[in-house]
C-alpha atoms as a PDB file:
ATOM      1  CA  MET A   1      -4.292  15.264 -13.995  1.00  0.00           C
ATOM      2  CA  VAL A   2      -4.314  13.332 -17.118  1.00  0.00           C
ATOM      3  CA  HIS A   3      -1.365  11.605 -18.124  1.00  0.00           C
ATOM      4  CA  HIS A   4      -1.490  11.967 -21.417  1.00  0.00           C
ATOM      5  CA  HIS A   5       2.353  10.771 -21.886  1.00  0.00           C
ATOM      6  CA  VAL A   6       1.840   7.886 -20.314  1.00  0.00           C
ATOM      7  CA  GLN A   7       3.114   4.513 -22.823  1.00  0.00           C
ATOM      8  CA  PRO A   8       1.575   1.302 -22.135  1.00  0.00           C
ATOM      9  CA  VAL A   9       3.244  -0.980 -19.982  1.00  0.00           C
ATOM     10  CA  THR A  10       3.275  -4.391 -19.179  1.00  0.00           C
ATOM     11  CA  ILE A  11       2.746  -4.195 -15.103  1.00  0.00           C
ATOM     12  CA  THR A  12       4.136  -7.613 -12.938  1.00  0.00           C
ATOM     13  CA  GLY A  13       4.312  -7.131  -9.337  1.00  0.00           C
ATOM     14  CA  ALA A  14       6.476  -8.644  -6.740  1.00  0.00           C
ATOM     15  CA  VAL A  15       5.938  -8.619  -3.058  1.00  0.00           C
ATOM     16  CA  ILE A  16       9.037  -9.008  -0.522  1.00  0.00           C
ATOM     17  CA  THR A  17       8.049  -8.948   3.495  1.00  0.00           C
ATOM     18  CA  VAL A  18      10.503  -8.426   5.851  1.00  0.00           C
ATOM     19  CA  SER A  19       9.818  -9.769   9.198  1.00  0.00           C
ATOM     20  CA  THR A  20      11.596 -11.989  11.386  1.00  0.00           C
ATOM     21  CA  THR A  21       8.277 -13.268  13.033  1.00  0.00           C
ATOM     22  CA  ARG A  22       5.422 -13.758   9.925  1.00  0.00           C
ATOM     23  CA  ASN A  23       5.052 -17.100   7.562  1.00  0.00           C
ATOM     24  CA  GLU A  24       2.835 -17.294   4.331  1.00  0.00           C
ATOM     25  CA  LYS A  25      -0.183 -17.775   7.373  1.00  0.00           C
ATOM     26  CA  THR A  26       0.442 -14.960   8.846  1.00  0.00           C
ATOM     27  CA  ASP A  27       1.693 -12.224   6.552  1.00  0.00           C
ATOM     28  CA  THR A  28      -1.406  -9.914   6.482  1.00  0.00           C
ATOM     29  CA  SER A  29       0.431  -7.014   4.563  1.00  0.00           C
ATOM     30  CA  GLY A  30       2.307  -8.938   1.710  1.00  0.00           C
ATOM     31  CA  LYS A  31      -1.810 -10.916   1.282  1.00  0.00           C
ATOM     32  CA  THR A  32      -3.208  -6.947   1.265  1.00  0.00           C
ATOM     33  CA  ILE A  33      -0.513  -6.381  -1.320  1.00  0.00           C
ATOM     34  CA  ILE A  34      -0.673  -9.169  -3.393  1.00  0.00           C
ATOM     35  CA  SER A  35      -5.016  -8.969  -3.361  1.00  0.00           C
ATOM     36  CA  LEU A  36      -4.715  -5.295  -4.547  1.00  0.00           C
ATOM     37  CA  PHE A  37      -2.279  -6.906  -7.541  1.00  0.00           C
ATOM     38  CA  GLU A  38      -4.979  -9.164  -8.604  1.00  0.00           C
ATOM     39  CA  GLU A  39      -7.999  -6.331  -8.533  1.00  0.00           C
ATOM     40  CA  ASN A  40      -5.662  -4.349 -10.421  1.00  0.00           C
ATOM     41  CA  ALA A  41      -5.015  -7.069 -13.243  1.00  0.00           C
ATOM     42  CA  ILE A  42      -1.078  -7.076 -12.031  1.00  0.00           C
ATOM     43  CA  PRO A  43      -0.093 -10.348 -12.185  1.00  0.00           C
ATOM     44  CA  LEU A  44       2.392 -11.270  -9.311  1.00  0.00           C
ATOM     45  CA  GLY A  45       5.728 -12.319 -10.625  1.00  0.00           C
ATOM     46  CA  TYR A  46       7.307 -13.221  -7.164  1.00  0.00           C
ATOM     47  CA  TYR A  47       6.688 -13.300  -3.579  1.00  0.00           C
ATOM     48  CA  SER A  48       8.784 -13.940  -0.665  1.00  0.00           C
ATOM     49  CA  ILE A  49       9.320 -13.320   2.971  1.00  0.00           C
ATOM     50  CA  VAL A  50      12.787 -12.701   4.228  1.00  0.00           C
ATOM     51  CA  PRO A  51      14.563 -11.581   7.814  1.00  0.00           C
ATOM     52  CA  ASP A  52      15.637  -8.475   8.796  1.00  0.00           C
ATOM     53  CA  ARG A  53      19.251  -8.782   7.255  1.00  0.00           C
ATOM     54  CA  ILE A  54      20.507  -6.983   4.774  1.00  0.00           C
ATOM     55  CA  ASP A  55      21.861  -9.732   2.331  1.00  0.00           C
ATOM     56  CA  ARG A  56      19.330 -11.133   2.296  1.00  0.00           C
ATOM     57  CA  ILE A  57      16.725  -8.198   1.621  1.00  0.00           C
ATOM     58  CA  ARG A  58      19.401  -7.683  -1.231  1.00  0.00           C
ATOM     59  CA  ASP A  59      19.419 -11.324  -2.515  1.00  0.00           C
ATOM     60  CA  GLU A  60      15.228 -11.394  -2.865  1.00  0.00           C
ATOM     61  CA  LEU A  61      15.534  -8.403  -4.348  1.00  0.00           C
ATOM     62  CA  PHE A  62      17.492  -8.989  -6.791  1.00  0.00           C
ATOM     63  CA  THR A  63      15.454 -12.053  -7.102  1.00  0.00           C
ATOM     64  CA  ALA A  64      12.388  -9.846  -7.751  1.00  0.00           C
ATOM     65  CA  LEU A  65      14.410  -7.642 -10.288  1.00  0.00           C
ATOM     66  CA  LYS A  66      14.173 -10.461 -12.750  1.00  0.00           C
ATOM     67  CA  LYS A  67      10.970 -11.630 -12.616  1.00  0.00           C
ATOM     68  CA  ALA A  68       8.619  -7.769 -12.183  1.00  0.00           C
ATOM     69  CA  ASN A  69       8.763  -4.079 -12.683  1.00  0.00           C
ATOM     70  CA  CYS A  70       6.799  -3.116  -9.902  1.00  0.00           C
ATOM     71  CA  ILE A  71       8.712  -4.144  -6.462  1.00  0.00           C
ATOM     72  CA  ILE A  72       7.209  -3.401  -2.904  1.00  0.00           C
ATOM     73  CA  ILE A  73       9.262  -4.466   0.048  1.00  0.00           C
ATOM     74  CA  ASN A  74       7.161  -3.902   3.075  1.00  0.00           C
ATOM     75  CA  GLY A  75       9.028  -3.872   6.760  1.00  0.00           C
ATOM     76  CA  GLY A  76      11.936  -2.992   8.344  1.00  0.00           C
ATOM     77  CA  THR A  77      11.499   0.165   7.362  1.00  0.00           C
ATOM     78  CA  GLY A  78      11.694   1.974  11.365  1.00  0.00           C
ATOM     79  CA  LEU A  79      13.521   2.738  13.725  1.00  0.00           C
ATOM     80  CA  THR A  80      14.305  -0.394  15.893  1.00  0.00           C
ATOM     81  CA  ARG A  81      17.875  -1.701  15.403  1.00  0.00           C
ATOM     82  CA  ASP A  82      16.732  -4.548  13.509  1.00  0.00           C
ATOM     83  CA  ASP A  83      14.850  -2.160  10.807  1.00  0.00           C
ATOM     84  CA  CYS A  84      17.357  -2.480   8.075  1.00  0.00           C
ATOM     85  CA  THR A  85      15.256  -2.464   4.823  1.00  0.00           C
ATOM     86  CA  ILE A  86      16.265   0.702   4.315  1.00  0.00           C
ATOM     87  CA  GLU A  87      20.141   0.571   4.055  1.00  0.00           C
ATOM     88  CA  ALA A  88      19.827  -2.320   2.286  1.00  0.00           C
ATOM     89  CA  VAL A  89      17.338  -1.079  -0.954  1.00  0.00           C
ATOM     90  CA  ALA A  90      18.637   2.781  -0.788  1.00  0.00           C
ATOM     91  CA  PRO A  91      22.170   2.499  -1.854  1.00  0.00           C
ATOM     92  CA  LEU A  92      21.046   0.410  -5.288  1.00  0.00           C
ATOM     93  CA  LEU A  93      18.370   2.754  -6.407  1.00  0.00           C
ATOM     94  CA  ASP A  94      19.736   4.285  -9.574  1.00  0.00           C
ATOM     95  CA  LYS A  95      17.302   7.167  -8.844  1.00  0.00           C
ATOM     96  CA  LYS A  96      14.984   7.981  -5.909  1.00  0.00           C
ATOM     97  CA  ILE A  97      11.497   9.164  -6.325  1.00  0.00           C
ATOM     98  CA  GLU A  98      11.946  11.187  -3.724  1.00  0.00           C
ATOM     99  CA  GLY A  99       7.913  12.606  -3.204  1.00  0.00           C
ATOM    100  CA  PHE A 100       6.909   9.070  -2.551  1.00  0.00           C
ATOM    101  CA  GLY A 101       8.494   9.089   0.712  1.00  0.00           C
ATOM    102  CA  GLU A 102       7.084  12.612   1.182  1.00  0.00           C
ATOM    103  CA  PHE A 103       3.306  11.640   0.213  1.00  0.00           C
ATOM    104  CA  PHE A 104       3.509   8.640   2.423  1.00  0.00           C
ATOM    105  CA  ARG A 105       4.125  10.111   5.480  1.00  0.00           C
ATOM    106  CA  MET A 106       1.650  13.110   4.583  1.00  0.00           C
ATOM    107  CA  LYS A 107      -1.118  10.926   3.746  1.00  0.00           C
ATOM    108  CA  SER A 108      -0.159   8.756   7.062  1.00  0.00           C
ATOM    109  CA  ILE A 109      -0.557  11.517   9.270  1.00  0.00           C
ATOM    110  CA  GLY A 110      -4.916  11.027   8.894  1.00  0.00           C
ATOM    111  CA  GLN A 111      -3.923   7.526  10.198  1.00  0.00           C
ATOM    112  CA  ILE A 112      -1.079   7.263  13.119  1.00  0.00           C
ATOM    113  CA  GLY A 113      -0.636  11.218  13.458  1.00  0.00           C
ATOM    114  CA  THR A 114       3.032  12.705  14.284  1.00  0.00           C
ATOM    115  CA  ALA A 115       3.818   9.159  15.103  1.00  0.00           C
ATOM    116  CA  SER A 116       3.926   9.142  10.862  1.00  0.00           C
ATOM    117  CA  MET A 117       7.529  10.843  10.946  1.00  0.00           C
ATOM    118  CA  LEU A 118       9.201   6.840  12.156  1.00  0.00           C
ATOM    119  CA  SER A 119       8.307   5.910   9.025  1.00  0.00           C
ATOM    120  CA  ARG A 120      11.815   6.020   6.635  1.00  0.00           C
ATOM    121  CA  ALA A 121       9.037   5.073   3.574  1.00  0.00           C
ATOM    122  CA  VAL A 122      11.522   5.018   0.182  1.00  0.00           C
ATOM    123  CA  ALA A 123      10.855   4.560  -3.470  1.00  0.00           C
ATOM    124  CA  GLY A 124      12.996   4.048  -6.662  1.00  0.00           C
ATOM    125  CA  LEU A 125      14.092   2.677  -9.772  1.00  0.00           C
ATOM    126  CA  ILE A 126      16.509  -0.031 -10.785  1.00  0.00           C
ATOM    127  CA  GLU A 127      17.697  -0.277 -14.325  1.00  0.00           C
ATOM    128  CA  GLY A 128      14.370   0.835 -15.154  1.00  0.00           C
ATOM    129  CA  LYS A 129      12.000  -1.062 -12.687  1.00  0.00           C
ATOM    130  CA  ALA A 130       9.962   0.829  -9.864  1.00  0.00           C
ATOM    131  CA  VAL A 131      11.220  -0.737  -6.054  1.00  0.00           C
ATOM    132  CA  PHE A 132       8.734   0.666  -2.799  1.00  0.00           C
ATOM    133  CA  CYS A 133      10.346   0.335   1.064  1.00  0.00           C
ATOM    134  CA  ILE A 134       6.710   0.716   2.732  1.00  0.00           C
ATOM    135  CA  PRO A 135       6.053   0.068   6.552  1.00  0.00           C
ATOM    136  CA  GLY A 136       4.595  -3.139   7.148  1.00  0.00           C
ATOM    137  CA  SER A 137       1.448  -2.888   8.617  1.00  0.00           C
ATOM    138  CA  THR A 138      -1.716  -3.854   6.786  1.00  0.00           C
ATOM    139  CA  PRO A 139      -3.499  -0.167   7.295  1.00  0.00           C
ATOM    140  CA  ALA A 140      -0.138   1.318   5.666  1.00  0.00           C
ATOM    141  CA  VAL A 141       0.461  -1.169   3.105  1.00  0.00           C
ATOM    142  CA  THR A 142      -3.336  -0.476   2.168  1.00  0.00           C
ATOM    143  CA  LEU A 143      -2.588   3.217   1.679  1.00  0.00           C
ATOM    144  CA  ALA A 144       0.585   2.970  -0.048  1.00  0.00           C
ATOM    145  CA  THR A 145      -0.766   0.943  -2.320  1.00  0.00           C
ATOM    146  CA  THR A 146      -4.274   1.973  -3.156  1.00  0.00           C
ATOM    147  CA  GLU A 147      -3.179   5.669  -3.399  1.00  0.00           C
ATOM    148  CA  LEU A 148       0.192   6.084  -3.937  1.00  0.00           C
ATOM    149  CA  ILE A 149       1.612   2.880  -6.010  1.00  0.00           C
ATOM    150  CA  LEU A 150      -1.000   2.046  -7.984  1.00  0.00           C
ATOM    151  CA  PRO A 151      -2.577   5.111  -9.582  1.00  0.00           C
ATOM    152  CA  GLU A 152       1.190   6.481 -10.569  1.00  0.00           C
ATOM    153  CA  ILE A 153       2.579   2.760 -11.451  1.00  0.00           C
ATOM    154  CA  ALA A 154       1.939   3.183 -15.341  1.00  0.00           C
ATOM    155  CA  HIS A 155       3.008   6.576 -15.042  1.00  0.00           C
ATOM    156  CA  ILE A 156       6.023   5.686 -13.207  1.00  0.00           C
ATOM    157  CA  LEU A 157       7.227   2.856 -15.424  1.00  0.00           C
ATOM    158  CA  SER A 158       6.175   5.275 -18.624  1.00  0.00           C
ATOM    159  CA  HIS A 159       9.002   7.909 -17.410  1.00  0.00           C
ATOM    160  CA  ALA A 160      11.547   4.934 -16.530  1.00  0.00           C
ATOM    161  CA  ASN A 161      11.850   3.499 -19.653  1.00  0.00           C
ATOM    162  CA  ARG A 162      12.186   6.108 -22.167  1.00  0.00           C
END
């Protein structure tokens, strides 16, 4: 589909990795997203690693929202007791992009089978900025970023800021 109604938009990316075990050297998923932004000429406005705590995730998100309009949060979207990214972010969304989670799980079936139903990936808008919450595995961030986020981010931000 040609998006002839997409307006020119400047995109700035932010990456927040939610993990209690990763650091800048071991954050392969966060680095993968940053590399994909670079490959697509999207400047990085913010990067951080934060533990699985609702208050810390929200603090980092609020900082990222001041510096970027495409925020990708990876990690903390599963079903373990510690996973709280969705609980931190979903209540803050002005609008949800329901199809994002649906498409992510649909595409994930090819990689991990029916275990894709365990992902609670979500996306939405906060003050006209796109926020994506995705699993923290490198294959998952690659799939979500290359097949869903990057192809549609200009379209999403065009609509979000009309």
